[in-house]
Protein backbone atom coordinates (compact mmCIF):
# COMPACT_ATOMS: atom_id res chain seq x y z
CA MET A 1 84.67 16.54 35.82
CA GLY A 2 82.46 19.37 37.09
CA ARG A 3 79.63 20.99 35.19
CA SER A 4 81.67 24.10 34.23
CA ALA A 5 84.61 21.97 33.05
CA LYS A 6 82.25 20.01 30.77
CA LYS A 7 80.87 23.26 29.33
CA ARG A 8 84.41 24.52 28.66
CA SER A 9 85.34 21.21 27.07
CA ARG A 10 82.27 21.35 24.80
CA ALA A 11 83.05 24.97 23.93
CA VAL A 12 86.63 24.05 22.96
CA VAL A 13 85.43 21.14 20.82
CA ALA A 14 82.75 23.32 19.18
CA SER A 15 85.29 26.07 18.51
CA TRP A 16 87.73 23.57 17.00
CA LEU A 17 84.97 22.05 14.84
CA VAL A 18 83.88 25.48 13.53
CA THR A 19 87.51 26.33 12.70
CA VAL A 20 88.11 23.05 10.86
CA LEU A 21 84.85 23.29 8.93
CA GLY A 22 85.54 26.93 8.05
CA LEU A 23 89.01 26.13 6.72
CA GLY A 24 87.60 23.19 4.78
CA CYS A 25 84.97 25.45 3.20
CA LEU A 26 87.61 28.01 2.23
CA ALA A 27 89.74 25.33 0.60
CA GLY A 28 86.70 23.89 -1.14
CA CYS A 29 85.68 27.29 -2.50
CA ALA A 30 89.16 27.76 -3.92
CA ARG A 31 89.01 24.36 -5.64
CA MET A 32 85.54 25.12 -7.02
CA GLY A 33 86.87 28.14 -8.88
CA ALA A 34 86.17 31.08 -6.58
CA ASP A 35 87.64 34.20 -8.16
CA PRO A 36 90.69 35.22 -6.07
CA VAL A 37 90.54 38.76 -7.48
CA THR A 38 87.09 39.49 -6.06
CA SER A 39 88.44 38.72 -2.59
CA VAL A 40 90.75 41.76 -2.86
CA SER A 41 88.09 44.17 -4.01
CA HIS A 42 88.58 47.78 -3.04
CA PRO A 43 85.93 50.52 -2.95
CA ASP A 44 87.73 52.46 -5.70
CA TRP A 45 87.52 49.54 -8.14
CA ALA A 46 84.48 47.99 -9.82
CA MET A 47 84.62 44.54 -11.38
CA LYS A 48 83.51 44.66 -15.02
CA LYS A 49 83.82 40.97 -15.86
CA SER A 50 85.39 37.76 -14.65
CA GLN A 51 85.80 34.40 -16.32
CA ARG A 52 87.35 31.17 -15.13
CA LEU A 53 88.64 28.70 -17.69
CA ALA A 54 89.54 25.10 -16.86
CA ALA A 55 92.62 23.63 -18.52
CA ASN A 56 90.56 22.09 -21.33
CA GLU A 57 89.06 25.53 -22.10
CA LEU A 58 92.28 27.56 -22.28
CA TRP A 59 92.14 27.54 -26.07
CA LYS A 60 89.32 30.11 -25.78
CA ALA A 61 91.76 32.73 -24.46
CA HIS A 62 95.06 31.46 -25.87
CA ASP A 63 94.34 30.37 -29.41
CA GLY A 64 97.12 28.07 -30.52
CA ALA A 65 99.05 28.32 -27.22
CA ALA A 66 96.82 26.34 -24.83
CA GLY A 67 99.19 23.36 -25.05
CA MET A 68 102.04 25.41 -23.55
CA TYR A 69 99.93 26.15 -20.45
CA ILE A 70 98.77 22.55 -20.12
CA GLU A 71 102.36 21.25 -20.45
CA ARG A 72 103.33 23.38 -17.46
CA GLY A 73 100.45 21.91 -15.44
CA CYS A 74 97.88 24.70 -15.68
CA VAL A 75 94.67 23.74 -13.86
CA SER A 76 92.76 26.97 -14.54
CA GLU A 77 93.00 30.63 -15.44
CA THR A 78 90.78 33.30 -13.93
CA MET A 79 90.64 36.50 -15.98
CA THR A 80 89.16 39.60 -14.37
CA ASP A 81 88.70 43.17 -15.59
CA LEU A 82 88.23 46.05 -13.15
CA SER A 83 87.77 49.77 -13.69
CA HIS A 84 88.54 52.61 -11.32
CA ARG A 85 85.53 54.60 -10.16
CA ASP A 86 87.24 58.03 -10.31
CA ARG A 87 90.21 57.65 -12.66
CA PRO A 88 90.42 56.47 -16.27
CA TRP A 89 92.20 53.27 -15.21
CA VAL A 90 91.49 49.67 -16.14
CA ILE A 91 93.11 46.59 -14.56
CA ARG A 92 93.17 43.31 -16.45
CA CYS A 93 94.32 40.41 -14.29
CA SER A 94 95.00 36.75 -15.04
CA VAL A 95 95.51 34.29 -12.18
CA PHE A 96 96.87 30.95 -13.33
CA GLU A 97 96.57 28.03 -10.93
CA LEU A 98 99.06 25.27 -11.65
CA ARG A 99 99.47 21.77 -10.24
CA THR A 100 102.86 22.59 -8.73
CA SER A 101 105.04 25.51 -7.73
CA GLU A 102 107.54 24.36 -10.36
CA GLY A 103 104.87 24.74 -13.05
CA ALA A 104 104.11 28.25 -11.79
CA ARG A 105 107.83 29.09 -11.93
CA LEU A 106 108.06 27.84 -15.52
CA LEU A 107 105.08 29.98 -16.54
CA TYR A 108 106.58 32.99 -14.71
CA ASP A 109 109.88 32.45 -16.58
CA TYR A 110 108.04 32.23 -19.92
CA TYR A 111 106.27 35.56 -19.35
CA HIS A 112 109.34 37.20 -17.77
CA ASP A 113 111.43 36.44 -20.88
CA GLY A 114 109.27 38.94 -22.82
CA VAL A 115 109.79 41.80 -20.36
CA GLU A 116 111.60 44.87 -21.69
CA LYS A 117 113.22 47.50 -19.45
CA GLU A 118 112.21 45.92 -16.16
CA VAL A 119 111.84 48.28 -13.19
CA GLN A 120 114.46 47.35 -10.60
CA GLY A 121 114.05 47.28 -6.82
CA ILE A 122 110.43 46.10 -6.71
CA GLU A 123 109.33 44.53 -3.43
CA PRO A 124 108.79 40.79 -4.06
CA LEU A 125 105.15 39.69 -4.01
CA GLY A 126 105.98 35.99 -3.91
CA GLU A 127 108.97 33.92 -4.95
CA ALA A 128 109.65 36.24 -7.91
CA THR A 129 108.19 39.52 -9.24
CA TYR A 130 108.63 41.75 -12.28
CA LEU A 131 107.27 45.18 -13.18
CA TRP A 132 107.60 47.05 -16.45
CA ARG A 133 105.89 49.66 -18.58
CA SER A 134 104.78 48.36 -21.96
CA PRO A 135 104.99 51.05 -24.66
CA ASP A 136 102.93 48.87 -27.03
CA LEU A 137 100.02 48.49 -24.57
CA SER A 138 100.46 51.87 -22.84
CA ALA A 139 100.24 50.01 -19.54
CA TRP A 140 102.12 49.05 -16.41
CA ILE A 141 102.43 45.26 -16.11
CA VAL A 142 103.27 43.32 -12.96
CA GLY A 143 103.80 39.58 -12.80
CA PHE A 144 104.58 37.34 -9.87
CA TRP A 145 104.86 33.71 -8.94
CA LYS A 146 103.67 32.60 -5.50
CA GLY A 147 103.37 28.95 -4.62
CA LYS A 148 101.33 27.20 -7.30
CA TYR A 149 100.06 30.49 -8.76
CA PHE A 150 101.35 32.75 -11.50
CA VAL A 151 99.66 36.15 -11.79
CA GLU A 152 100.00 38.84 -14.42
CA ALA A 153 98.07 42.11 -14.13
CA SER A 154 98.17 45.26 -16.21
CA LEU A 155 96.89 48.77 -15.57
CA ALA A 156 96.20 50.96 -18.57
CA GLU A 157 95.33 54.62 -18.30
CA LYS A 158 93.01 55.86 -21.00
CA GLY A 159 93.90 59.36 -22.16
CA ALA A 160 97.32 59.42 -20.48
CA PRO A 161 99.72 62.11 -21.80
CA GLY A 162 101.73 60.58 -24.63
CA GLY A 163 99.71 57.41 -24.22
CA GLN A 164 101.85 56.32 -21.26
CA PRO A 165 100.68 55.63 -17.70
CA ASP A 166 102.16 57.69 -14.86
CA ASP A 167 103.68 56.80 -11.48
CA SER A 168 100.35 57.04 -9.64
CA SER A 169 98.93 54.30 -11.85
CA LYS A 170 102.06 52.20 -11.22
CA GLN A 171 101.49 52.55 -7.47
CA ALA A 172 97.80 51.65 -7.85
CA LEU A 173 98.74 48.47 -9.74
CA LEU A 174 101.33 47.49 -7.13
CA ASP A 175 98.80 48.07 -4.32
CA PHE A 176 96.29 45.83 -6.11
CA ALA A 177 98.95 43.13 -6.69
CA ARG A 178 100.04 43.23 -3.01
CA ARG A 179 96.44 42.69 -1.85
CA LEU A 180 96.01 39.82 -4.31
CA ALA A 181 99.33 38.17 -3.37
CA ALA A 182 98.32 38.27 0.30
CA LYS A 183 95.16 36.29 -0.55
CA LEU A 184 96.93 33.52 -2.50
């Protein structure tokens, strides 16, 4: 093997090693609780707070219902709040990581059962997606199941006419959810 062939061979091995190590680090960061929402940040949105709860801490956010999440195989929940820099919008997002895709589907079904007047014709963000406008919360709510993740995010518009969000806030929420789904 000539000198240039050895250099190419070393370069290929080095490139392969960097790729494998990089993928390993990404997977490790995900397992260590890296916030998936921060990876979809957008210049128009500012993160206000983020909290990751392990399965044994879910009672802090779901008083009395933590067992339901654990029964479905919930590993963690990451809750993130973002606010829009120019509009009176707030996104609240919960990303549930489950042991299996089946557990994520069961959690999706549980949340989907409470949906009223679902918007039809929404582009799927994973295996299943719902979108609706909650009159009680004055917010658009999107939920989707993708692989071993179930995500529910809401966008409320403070000071909206009649207390209800408009179509531009619906589109902003769907754009956010698409970017998040692409990262999961």
